[in-house]
Protein backbone atom coordinates (compact mmCIF):
# COMPACT_ATOMS: atom_id res chain seq x y z
CA MET A 1 99.31 60.63 93.26
CA ARG A 2 101.91 63.45 93.23
CA LYS A 3 100.24 66.60 91.19
CA MET A 4 102.23 69.41 89.62
CA VAL A 5 100.60 72.36 88.69
CA ILE A 6 101.10 75.04 85.63
CA THR A 7 98.95 77.80 85.40
CA HIS A 8 100.46 78.88 81.98
CA MET A 9 99.98 77.63 78.75
CA ILE A 10 103.29 75.80 77.41
CA GLU A 11 103.97 74.23 74.18
CA GLN A 12 103.19 70.36 74.15
CA HIS A 13 106.67 69.60 73.38
CA TYR A 14 107.63 71.39 77.17
CA ILE A 15 104.55 69.29 78.42
CA ASP A 16 106.23 66.06 77.03
CA GLN A 17 109.67 66.78 78.66
CA ILE A 18 108.12 68.07 82.05
CA LYS A 19 106.21 64.13 82.19
CA ASP A 20 109.61 62.43 81.24
CA ILE A 21 110.93 64.13 84.28
CA ILE A 22 107.50 63.24 86.73
CA PRO A 23 106.08 60.10 84.70
CA ASP A 24 104.35 59.02 87.92
CA TRP A 25 102.93 62.16 88.76
CA GLU A 26 99.45 64.06 87.74
CA LEU A 27 100.53 66.91 85.33
CA VAL A 28 97.79 69.89 84.78
CA VAL A 29 98.36 72.64 82.52
CA SER A 30 96.20 75.49 82.11
CA LYS A 31 96.00 78.90 82.28
CA ASP A 32 91.78 78.94 83.05
CA LYS A 33 91.04 79.19 86.61
CA GLU A 34 88.12 76.79 86.36
CA VAL A 35 90.40 74.69 85.67
CA TRP A 36 93.46 75.21 88.14
CA GLN A 37 91.34 75.66 91.26
CA LYS A 38 90.11 72.11 91.04
CA HIS A 39 94.02 70.96 91.31
CA VAL A 40 95.84 73.52 93.23
CA LYS A 41 95.04 72.65 96.71
CA ASP A 42 96.39 69.14 96.15
CA ALA A 43 99.60 70.30 94.26
CA GLU A 44 102.82 69.68 95.75
CA ILE A 45 104.61 71.99 92.45
CA ILE A 46 102.83 74.87 91.23
CA ALA A 47 104.52 77.10 88.25
CA SER A 48 102.92 80.81 87.18
CA TRP A 49 101.02 83.05 89.93
CA LYS A 50 97.91 83.44 89.40
CA LYS A 51 95.51 85.91 91.18
CA GLY A 52 93.23 84.12 93.73
CA LEU A 53 95.95 81.36 94.17
CA GLU A 54 96.01 82.54 97.58
CA GLU A 55 92.52 80.94 98.48
CA PHE A 56 93.88 77.82 97.95
CA ILE A 57 97.54 77.48 98.59
CA PHE A 58 97.18 79.05 102.30
CA THR A 59 94.84 76.39 103.78
CA SER A 60 95.96 73.02 106.69
CA GLU A 61 95.24 70.98 103.28
CA SER A 62 97.70 72.36 100.75
CA LYS A 63 100.27 70.44 99.82
CA LEU A 64 101.98 72.86 97.96
CA LYS A 65 106.11 72.67 99.03
CA TRP A 66 107.74 74.49 96.04
CA PHE A 67 106.26 77.30 93.79
CA GLN A 68 108.30 78.38 90.63
CA SER A 69 107.02 81.79 89.61
CA TRP A 70 107.02 83.00 85.76
CA SER A 71 108.24 86.55 86.73
CA ALA A 72 111.58 87.95 87.61
CA GLY A 73 110.05 90.12 90.52
CA VAL A 74 108.67 88.37 93.54
CA ASP A 75 107.59 91.37 95.35
CA THR A 76 104.12 91.40 94.17
CA LEU A 77 103.45 87.82 95.48
CA PRO A 78 102.43 86.83 99.21
CA LEU A 79 106.09 86.24 100.60
CA GLU A 80 105.19 86.08 104.06
CA GLY A 81 102.53 83.70 103.81
CA LEU A 82 104.74 81.58 101.60
CA GLU A 83 107.60 81.87 104.20
CA SER A 84 105.47 81.01 107.00
CA ARG A 85 104.56 78.07 105.36
CA ASN A 86 108.48 77.09 104.54
CA ILE A 87 107.17 77.21 100.34
CA VAL A 88 110.03 76.86 98.15
CA LEU A 89 109.95 80.24 95.89
CA THR A 90 111.91 80.15 92.80
CA SER A 91 111.91 82.89 90.69
CA ALA A 92 112.09 83.89 86.84
CA ASN A 93 115.40 85.67 87.22
CA GLY A 94 117.90 86.32 84.74
CA VAL A 95 115.12 85.46 81.29
CA HIS A 96 114.84 89.54 81.26
CA ALA A 97 119.02 89.61 80.86
CA TYR A 98 119.23 90.12 76.93
CA PRO A 99 115.67 92.16 76.32
CA ILE A 100 116.07 94.44 79.45
CA SER A 101 119.73 95.39 78.65
CA GLU A 102 118.80 95.99 74.83
CA THR A 103 115.81 98.65 76.15
CA ILE A 104 118.42 100.17 78.96
CA PHE A 105 120.60 101.08 75.66
CA ALA A 106 118.30 101.91 73.69
CA LEU A 107 116.87 104.39 75.63
CA MET A 108 120.44 105.70 76.98
CA LEU A 109 120.86 105.82 73.26
CA GLY A 110 117.62 107.61 72.05
CA LEU A 111 118.48 109.91 74.73
CA THR A 112 122.16 110.97 73.73
CA ARG A 113 121.28 110.91 70.32
CA LYS A 114 117.90 112.62 70.47
CA ILE A 115 116.18 109.94 68.94
CA HIS A 116 112.91 111.14 71.00
CA THR A 117 113.07 114.52 69.79
CA TYR A 118 113.68 113.78 65.96
CA VAL A 119 110.61 111.31 66.31
CA ARG A 120 108.54 114.26 67.51
CA ASN A 121 109.78 116.31 64.83
CA GLN A 122 109.09 114.06 62.25
CA GLN A 123 105.43 113.55 63.13
CA THR A 124 105.34 117.65 62.23
CA LYS A 125 107.51 117.13 59.29
CA THR A 126 110.05 119.65 61.14
CA TRP A 127 113.58 119.52 59.75
CA HIS A 128 115.76 120.72 63.51
CA HIS A 129 118.94 119.97 64.18
CA ALA A 130 117.96 120.03 67.86
CA ASN A 131 121.11 121.26 69.42
CA MET A 132 122.75 117.60 68.94
CA ALA A 133 125.94 117.22 70.70
CA LEU A 134 126.42 114.04 72.62
CA GLU A 135 128.25 110.97 72.50
CA MET A 136 128.05 107.91 74.65
CA HIS A 137 131.63 106.79 74.16
CA GLU A 138 133.73 107.10 76.97
CA LYS A 139 131.48 108.23 79.42
CA THR A 140 130.75 106.25 82.78
CA VAL A 141 127.37 104.76 83.38
CA GLY A 142 126.41 103.53 87.18
CA ILE A 143 124.69 100.56 87.15
CA ILE A 144 122.75 100.24 90.40
CA GLY A 145 122.40 97.01 91.23
CA VAL A 146 124.60 94.47 89.56
CA GLY A 147 122.50 91.29 89.10
CA LYS A 148 122.43 89.34 85.85
CA ILE A 149 120.46 92.27 84.10
CA GLY A 150 123.21 94.69 85.17
CA LYS A 151 126.11 91.83 84.17
CA GLU A 152 124.33 92.19 80.97
CA THR A 153 124.78 95.91 80.40
CA ALA A 154 128.03 95.81 81.67
CA LYS A 155 129.41 94.02 79.16
CA ILE A 156 127.22 96.15 76.68
CA ALA A 157 128.62 98.97 78.27
CA LYS A 158 132.59 97.94 77.93
CA ALA A 159 131.54 97.66 73.85
CA PHE A 160 131.29 101.48 73.88
CA ARG A 161 134.28 101.87 76.01
CA MET A 162 132.70 103.24 78.65
CA ASN A 163 133.80 103.40 82.60
CA VAL A 164 131.36 100.92 84.19
CA LEU A 165 130.74 101.25 88.10
CA GLY A 166 128.54 99.15 89.80
CA VAL A 167 126.44 99.19 92.98
CA ARG A 168 125.48 95.43 94.69
CA HIS A 169 124.62 94.80 98.50
CA SER A 170 127.85 92.57 98.50
CA GLY A 171 130.59 94.62 96.54
CA MET A 172 132.20 91.75 95.60
CA PRO A 173 134.13 92.31 91.75
CA ILE A 174 132.85 91.62 88.72
CA ASP A 175 134.15 91.22 84.74
CA SER A 176 133.16 94.05 82.85
CA VAL A 177 132.72 96.47 85.91
CA HIS A 178 135.98 98.63 86.16
CA GLU A 179 134.83 99.70 90.14
CA MET A 180 132.43 98.14 92.67
CA PHE A 181 130.58 99.70 95.56
CA THR A 182 128.83 98.61 98.35
CA SER A 183 124.94 99.91 98.55
CA ASP A 184 125.86 102.25 101.43
CA GLN A 185 128.43 103.87 98.97
CA LEU A 186 125.86 105.18 96.31
CA ASP A 187 126.53 108.84 97.39
CA LEU A 188 130.13 108.26 96.21
CA VAL A 189 129.08 106.85 92.51
CA LEU A 190 125.93 109.14 91.59
CA PRO A 191 128.35 112.31 91.58
CA LYS A 192 130.86 110.59 89.02
CA CYS A 193 128.30 109.35 86.63
CA ASP A 194 126.96 110.69 83.42
CA TYR A 195 124.16 107.78 83.38
CA VAL A 196 122.71 106.25 86.41
CA ILE A 197 120.84 102.53 85.54
CA VAL A 198 118.57 101.55 88.06
CA THR A 199 118.16 97.53 87.95
CA LEU A 200 116.96 96.87 91.64
CA PRO A 201 114.44 94.59 92.88
CA LEU A 202 112.26 96.20 94.95
CA THR A 203 112.74 95.44 98.80
CA LYS A 204 112.42 97.19 101.89
CA GLU A 205 115.55 98.84 101.56
CA THR A 206 114.92 99.94 97.94
CA ILE A 207 111.91 101.67 98.15
CA GLN A 208 112.26 105.13 97.25
CA LEU A 209 116.00 105.01 97.47
CA PHE A 210 115.74 107.68 94.91
CA GLY A 211 114.30 111.04 96.13
CA ALA A 212 115.34 114.64 95.92
CA GLU A 213 118.95 114.24 97.55
CA GLN A 214 119.98 111.38 95.25
CA PHE A 215 119.25 113.54 92.40
CA LYS A 216 121.14 116.76 93.56
CA GLN A 217 123.99 114.31 93.87
CA MET A 218 123.59 113.15 90.22
CA LYS A 219 125.39 116.19 87.09
CA ASN A 220 123.10 118.17 85.75
CA THR A 221 124.30 116.59 82.47
CA ALA A 222 123.23 113.29 83.50
CA PHE A 223 120.69 110.97 82.41
CA PHE A 224 118.65 109.05 84.59
CA ILE A 225 116.96 105.24 83.15
CA ASN A 226 114.88 103.06 85.60
CA ILE A 227 113.95 99.39 84.25
CA GLY A 228 113.53 97.84 88.08
CA ARG A 229 110.75 98.97 89.95
CA GLY A 230 108.61 102.51 89.98
CA GLU A 231 108.13 102.77 93.90
CA ILE A 232 112.02 102.64 94.06
CA VAL A 233 111.71 106.56 92.83
CA VAL A 234 110.17 109.29 94.30
CA GLU A 235 108.52 109.97 91.17
CA ALA A 236 107.64 113.69 92.28
CA ASP A 237 110.73 114.37 93.05
CA LEU A 238 112.25 113.02 89.84
CA ILE A 239 109.92 115.02 87.65
CA HIS A 240 111.00 118.14 89.87
CA ALA A 241 114.60 117.60 88.96
CA LEU A 242 113.47 116.79 84.95
CA LYS A 243 111.74 120.13 85.35
CA ASP A 244 114.52 122.38 86.65
CA GLY A 245 117.60 120.83 84.99
CA THR A 246 119.06 119.22 88.34
CA ILE A 247 119.37 116.14 85.57
CA ALA A 248 119.58 115.94 81.92
CA GLY A 249 116.86 113.74 81.59
CA ALA A 250 115.09 110.01 82.14
CA GLY A 251 114.09 106.74 80.08
CA LEU A 252 111.69 105.28 82.55
CA ASP A 253 109.78 101.75 82.17
CA VAL A 254 108.51 101.71 85.44
CA PHE A 255 106.24 104.01 87.88
CA GLU A 256 104.73 104.37 91.03
CA LYS A 257 101.58 103.31 89.99
CA GLU A 258 100.76 101.50 86.71
CA PRO A 259 99.61 102.17 83.98
CA LEU A 260 100.85 105.55 83.94
CA SER A 261 98.40 107.98 84.88
CA GLU A 262 97.22 110.47 81.93
CA GLU A 263 97.41 113.52 84.35
CA SER A 264 101.05 112.54 85.14
CA GLN A 265 103.43 115.32 84.17
CA LEU A 266 106.18 112.90 82.87
CA TRP A 267 104.57 112.50 79.37
CA ASN A 268 104.79 116.15 78.63
CA LEU A 269 108.23 116.31 79.31
CA GLU A 270 110.68 116.68 76.04
CA ASN A 271 113.40 115.71 78.36
CA VAL A 272 111.89 112.28 78.95
CA ILE A 273 111.25 109.16 77.04
CA ILE A 274 108.55 106.64 78.28
CA THR A 275 108.27 102.62 77.68
CA PRO A 276 104.91 100.81 79.46
CA HIS A 277 106.81 98.35 81.46
CA THR A 278 107.89 95.75 78.65
CA SER A 279 111.49 96.11 78.56
CA GLY A 280 111.36 92.23 79.47
CA SER A 281 109.08 91.72 77.01
CA THR A 282 111.15 89.38 74.60
CA GLU A 283 109.82 86.11 72.13
CA HIS A 284 112.00 84.20 73.70
CA TYR A 285 110.34 84.25 77.67
CA ASP A 286 108.74 81.09 78.08
CA LYS A 287 111.53 79.31 76.37
CA ARG A 288 114.20 80.54 78.86
CA VAL A 289 111.70 80.40 81.93
CA ILE A 290 111.17 76.80 81.26
CA GLU A 291 114.61 75.28 79.31
CA ASN A 292 116.99 77.48 82.03
CA ILE A 293 114.88 77.51 84.88
CA LEU A 294 111.56 75.22 85.27
CA ILE A 295 113.24 72.29 84.15
CA PRO A 296 116.44 72.16 85.53
CA ASN A 297 114.77 73.09 89.19
CA LEU A 298 112.17 70.52 88.68
CA LYS A 299 115.12 67.80 87.96
CA SER A 300 117.14 69.08 90.82
CA TYR A 301 113.79 68.88 93.56
CA ILE A 302 113.20 65.27 92.22
CA SER A 303 116.68 64.07 92.94
CA LYS A 304 117.45 66.54 95.62
CA THR A 305 120.78 66.99 94.33
CA THR A 306 121.67 70.34 93.39
CA PRO A 307 119.96 73.55 95.27
CA LEU A 308 117.07 75.16 93.10
CA ILE A 309 118.16 77.87 90.75
CA ASN A 310 116.58 81.31 91.58
CA GLN A 311 115.28 80.51 95.28
CA VAL A 312 114.81 83.51 96.60
CA ASP A 313 115.70 84.56 100.05
CA PHE A 314 112.76 85.71 101.82
CA SER A 315 114.73 88.45 104.04
CA LYS A 316 115.82 89.75 101.43
CA GLY A 317 112.86 89.78 99.31
CA TYR A 318 114.37 88.26 96.25
């Protein structure tokens, strides 16, 4: 009997829907290692990565053909091992577009309208103007990595009448982005931007993409927003740029090492807003993974009629 294992707790109505698609399969749904480890070696399909899975799926007895990640980023998964065994990998890319774009604008607005400063003042009952002067409307924003999150961010930016510049590997035009650039044209984009937003995945090409040179190319009035991956930025260079006024401020959801160390200088910088890698958190996460990706992919896998959604290109790392 063919077998599918989901190492994540999902609601019963979703279990019923999956069973309707694969009625002759054995379906195992449990996040308890004591349960799933008995089944993953025999599973043709596994959804949701759990620590320790590799010891079961990278064996000669493993029957795994397709793995559905529950996360959008796949940089923490054993990509080489999956590729070498010809296991199809699909990600949850796209489920974060709404919550992360909301976080991006919360950070941009917070820094622009000094909300973080006023929150600190409220704690000390301090009534102070804090030299409020900036606004976002009609400014230029550079979105570095125009995938699904970047596209949603561009739509919102358009509502603010912002000039939207985009950077993507192909350089192909996208609605709501006024001007698109290729990855090797980053140095043309940075000097033009009042806001630089990093939405890139972590790959061999993007690791430490932003360092001292890139921050020097930015305006000293510009804000830097990173919701991609912390390792895309040389954190020491970012701290230096923030402290010496090379850039005006930063909104950061991701860091080189997480949790962010209590010793990090970022905690105490007044021109920084920190969120604990929660920009993608949403009440609708599981719903979107299951309804928009897992179930359509399962139907495609069984019927072999259409390509799977979000199939990872191992050569690109996303």
